[in-house]
C-alpha atoms as a PDB file:
ATOM      1  CA  MET A   1     -45.999  -0.334 -96.726  1.00  0.00           C
ATOM      2  CA  ASN A   2     -48.003   2.962 -95.722  1.00  0.00           C
ATOM      3  CA  LYS A   3     -50.583   1.093 -93.631  1.00  0.00           C
ATOM      4  CA  THR A   4     -47.417  -1.563 -92.082  1.00  0.00           C
ATOM      5  CA  VAL A   5     -45.724   1.709 -91.081  1.00  0.00           C
ATOM      6  CA  THR A   6     -49.321   3.165 -89.507  1.00  0.00           C
ATOM      7  CA  ILE A   7     -49.524  -0.120 -87.938  1.00  0.00           C
ATOM      8  CA  ALA A   8     -46.250  -0.166 -86.814  1.00  0.00           C
ATOM      9  CA  LEU A   9     -46.817   3.611 -84.976  1.00  0.00           C
ATOM     10  CA  ALA A  10     -49.947   2.620 -84.098  1.00  0.00           C
ATOM     11  CA  SER A  11     -48.742  -0.497 -81.799  1.00  0.00           C
ATOM     12  CA  LEU A  12     -45.533   1.960 -80.429  1.00  0.00           C
ATOM     13  CA  LEU A  13     -48.375   4.624 -79.520  1.00  0.00           C
ATOM     14  CA  ALA A  14     -50.703   1.968 -77.797  1.00  0.00           C
ATOM     15  CA  VAL A  15     -47.504   0.231 -75.519  1.00  0.00           C
ATOM     16  CA  SER A  16     -45.468   3.040 -74.455  1.00  0.00           C
ATOM     17  CA  PRO A  17     -48.445   4.520 -72.164  1.00  0.00           C
ATOM     18  CA  VAL A  18     -48.316   1.568 -70.098  1.00  0.00           C
ATOM     19  CA  ALA A  19     -44.959   1.339 -69.668  1.00  0.00           C
ATOM     20  CA  GLY A  20     -44.797   4.858 -67.991  1.00  0.00           C
ATOM     21  CA  VAL A  21     -47.335   3.238 -65.779  1.00  0.00           C
ATOM     22  CA  ALA A  22     -45.754   0.773 -64.710  1.00  0.00           C
ATOM     23  CA  TYR A  23     -42.680   2.891 -64.333  1.00  0.00           C
ATOM     24  CA  ALA A  24     -44.276   5.277 -61.773  1.00  0.00           C
ATOM     25  CA  GLN A  25     -45.775   2.565 -59.912  1.00  0.00           C
ATOM     26  CA  GLN A  26     -42.148   0.945 -59.113  1.00  0.00           C
ATOM     27  CA  SER A  27     -40.619   4.431 -58.246  1.00  0.00           C
ATOM     28  CA  MET A  28     -43.423   5.476 -55.793  1.00  0.00           C
ATOM     29  CA  ASP A  29     -43.390   1.697 -54.248  1.00  0.00           C
ATOM     30  CA  ALA A  30     -39.775   2.234 -53.994  1.00  0.00           C
ATOM     31  CA  ASP A  31     -40.915   5.710 -52.327  1.00  0.00           C
ATOM     32  CA  THR A  32     -43.311   4.310 -49.946  1.00  0.00           C
ATOM     33  CA  MET A  33     -41.437   1.633 -48.342  1.00  0.00           C
ATOM     34  CA  ALA A  34     -38.575   3.375 -47.068  1.00  0.00           C
ATOM     35  CA  THR A  35     -38.682   4.442 -43.870  1.00  0.00           C
ATOM     36  CA  GLY A  36     -35.921   5.828 -43.022  1.00  0.00           C
ATOM     37  CA  SER A  37     -37.703   9.498 -43.321  1.00  0.00           C
ATOM     38  CA  ILE A  38     -40.887   8.283 -41.439  1.00  0.00           C
ATOM     39  CA  SER A  39     -41.891  10.172 -37.915  1.00  0.00           C
ATOM     40  CA  ALA A  40     -42.671   8.845 -34.879  1.00  0.00           C
ATOM     41  CA  ASP A  41     -45.729  10.274 -35.095  1.00  0.00           C
ATOM     42  CA  LYS A  42     -46.557   8.862 -38.929  1.00  0.00           C
ATOM     43  CA  VAL A  43     -45.903   5.169 -36.918  1.00  0.00           C
ATOM     44  CA  ASN A  44     -49.411   3.907 -35.287  1.00  0.00           C
ATOM     45  CA  VAL A  45     -48.959   0.939 -33.511  1.00  0.00           C
ATOM     46  CA  VAL A  46     -52.522  -0.809 -32.830  1.00  0.00           C
ATOM     47  CA  GLN A  47     -52.995  -3.247 -29.735  1.00  0.00           C
ATOM     48  CA  ILE A  48     -55.331  -5.967 -31.761  1.00  0.00           C
ATOM     49  CA  SER A  49     -57.618  -6.890 -28.402  1.00  0.00           C
ATOM     50  CA  THR A  50     -58.856  -3.364 -28.926  1.00  0.00           C
ATOM     51  CA  LEU A  51     -60.775  -4.101 -32.140  1.00  0.00           C
ATOM     52  CA  GLU A  52     -62.814  -6.887 -30.426  1.00  0.00           C
ATOM     53  CA  ALA A  53     -65.210  -4.256 -29.075  1.00  0.00           C
ATOM     54  CA  ASP A  54     -65.754  -2.308 -32.044  1.00  0.00           C
ATOM     55  CA  GLN A  55     -68.309  -3.874 -34.492  1.00  0.00           C
ATOM     56  CA  ASP A  56     -66.795  -2.352 -37.631  1.00  0.00           C
ATOM     57  CA  GLN A  57     -63.371  -3.723 -36.745  1.00  0.00           C
ATOM     58  CA  ARG A  58     -64.959  -7.445 -36.152  1.00  0.00           C
ATOM     59  CA  ALA A  59     -63.317  -8.957 -39.040  1.00  0.00           C
ATOM     60  CA  GLU A  60     -59.881  -7.254 -38.921  1.00  0.00           C
ATOM     61  CA  PHE A  61     -59.791  -8.614 -35.374  1.00  0.00           C
ATOM     62  CA  ASP A  62     -60.848 -12.027 -36.415  1.00  0.00           C
ATOM     63  CA  ARG A  63     -58.035 -11.578 -39.491  1.00  0.00           C
ATOM     64  CA  LEU A  64     -55.480 -10.577 -37.183  1.00  0.00           C
ATOM     65  CA  SER A  65     -56.242 -13.257 -34.510  1.00  0.00           C
ATOM     66  CA  HIS A  66     -55.498 -16.134 -36.825  1.00  0.00           C
ATOM     67  CA  LYS A  67     -52.590 -14.101 -37.799  1.00  0.00           C
ATOM     68  CA  VAL A  68     -51.407 -14.849 -33.871  1.00  0.00           C
ATOM     69  CA  ASN A  69     -51.723 -18.522 -34.349  1.00  0.00           C
ATOM     70  CA  ASP A  70     -50.129 -18.284 -38.202  1.00  0.00           C
ATOM     71  CA  PRO A  71     -45.623 -19.057 -37.870  1.00  0.00           C
ATOM     72  CA  ALA A  72     -45.278 -17.864 -41.351  1.00  0.00           C
ATOM     73  CA  ALA A  73     -47.312 -14.362 -40.332  1.00  0.00           C
ATOM     74  CA  LEU A  74     -45.028 -13.827 -37.854  1.00  0.00           C
ATOM     75  CA  GLU A  75     -41.759 -14.520 -39.392  1.00  0.00           C
ATOM     76  CA  LYS A  76     -42.781 -12.322 -41.991  1.00  0.00           C
ATOM     77  CA  ALA A  77     -43.732  -9.923 -39.689  1.00  0.00           C
ATOM     78  CA  GLN A  78     -40.450 -10.026 -37.710  1.00  0.00           C
ATOM     79  CA  SER A  79     -38.736 -10.407 -41.061  1.00  0.00           C
ATOM     80  CA  GLU A  80     -40.024  -6.821 -42.021  1.00  0.00           C
ATOM     81  CA  LEU A  81     -38.973  -5.341 -38.960  1.00  0.00           C
ATOM     82  CA  GLN A  82     -35.331  -6.752 -39.373  1.00  0.00           C
ATOM     83  CA  SER A  83     -35.282  -4.808 -42.629  1.00  0.00           C
ATOM     84  CA  ASP A  84     -36.324  -1.498 -41.352  1.00  0.00           C
ATOM     85  CA  PRO A  85     -34.099  -0.437 -38.683  1.00  0.00           C
ATOM     86  CA  GLY A  86     -35.845   3.183 -38.668  1.00  0.00           C
ATOM     87  CA  LEU A  87     -39.315   1.573 -37.736  1.00  0.00           C
ATOM     88  CA  THR A  88     -37.524  -1.095 -35.435  1.00  0.00           C
ATOM     89  CA  ASP A  89     -36.091   2.620 -33.454  1.00  0.00           C
ATOM     90  CA  ILE A  90     -39.282   4.265 -33.616  1.00  0.00           C
ATOM     91  CA  LEU A  91     -41.087   1.396 -31.925  1.00  0.00           C
ATOM     92  CA  ALA A  92     -38.661   0.959 -29.202  1.00  0.00           C
ATOM     93  CA  SER A  93     -39.082   4.696 -28.204  1.00  0.00           C
ATOM     94  CA  LYS A  94     -42.390   3.859 -28.198  1.00  0.00           C
ATOM     95  CA  ASN A  95     -41.784   0.650 -25.919  1.00  0.00           C
ATOM     96  CA  VAL A  96     -43.436  -1.999 -28.504  1.00  0.00           C
ATOM     97  CA  GLN A  97     -41.470  -5.262 -27.325  1.00  0.00           C
ATOM     98  CA  LEU A  98     -40.970  -6.080 -31.404  1.00  0.00           C
ATOM     99  CA  ASN A  99     -41.704  -9.960 -31.032  1.00  0.00           C
ATOM    100  CA  ASN A 100     -45.415  -8.908 -30.255  1.00  0.00           C
ATOM    101  CA  VAL A 101     -45.522  -7.286 -33.994  1.00  0.00           C
ATOM    102  CA  VAL A 102     -48.094  -9.820 -35.887  1.00  0.00           C
ATOM    103  CA  GLU A 103     -48.420  -7.326 -38.990  1.00  0.00           C
ATOM    104  CA  ILE A 104     -47.130  -4.293 -40.510  1.00  0.00           C
ATOM    105  CA  LYS A 105     -49.214  -2.268 -42.830  1.00  0.00           C
ATOM    106  CA  THR A 106     -48.167   1.206 -45.084  1.00  0.00           C
ATOM    107  CA  ALA A 107     -50.891   3.722 -44.678  1.00  0.00           C
ATOM    108  CA  ALA A 108     -52.440   6.222 -46.872  1.00  0.00           C
ATOM    109  CA  ASP A 109     -49.571   8.824 -46.089  1.00  0.00           C
ATOM    110  CA  GLY A 110     -47.018   7.127 -46.341  1.00  0.00           C
ATOM    111  CA  GLY A 111     -47.052   6.367 -42.667  1.00  0.00           C
ATOM    112  CA  LYS A 112     -47.111   2.810 -41.137  1.00  0.00           C
ATOM    113  CA  ILE A 113     -49.513   0.975 -39.132  1.00  0.00           C
ATOM    114  CA  VAL A 114     -48.358  -1.723 -36.561  1.00  0.00           C
ATOM    115  CA  TYR A 115     -50.823  -4.767 -35.187  1.00  0.00           C
ATOM    116  CA  VAL A 116     -49.431  -6.047 -31.993  1.00  0.00           C
ATOM    117  CA  LYS A 117     -50.473  -9.178 -29.776  1.00  0.00           C
END
């Protein structure tokens, strides 16, 4: 009986930190996805054509150039814009034509990087 209780307790202790980590990751993702609190200076607009000349960015240029011709990828970007009116307003204030948005990434600081064609 004592071994059974020890094994059960060890199992609970082994599993509980995993649940805590999963919960922490989930709440962090929810916080970084909300852009209502992002200011215009945290939104970086990158013209895809500017990446072409930079050898370090050549792979990124090629990847994004393929997305320009992929209707599913463009639809995904447009869907992200429609679900985030705060980001849409910021892009409009920066004179970005929303139909030219190819991809939206979340930066390490919680800001957004918006790639446009």
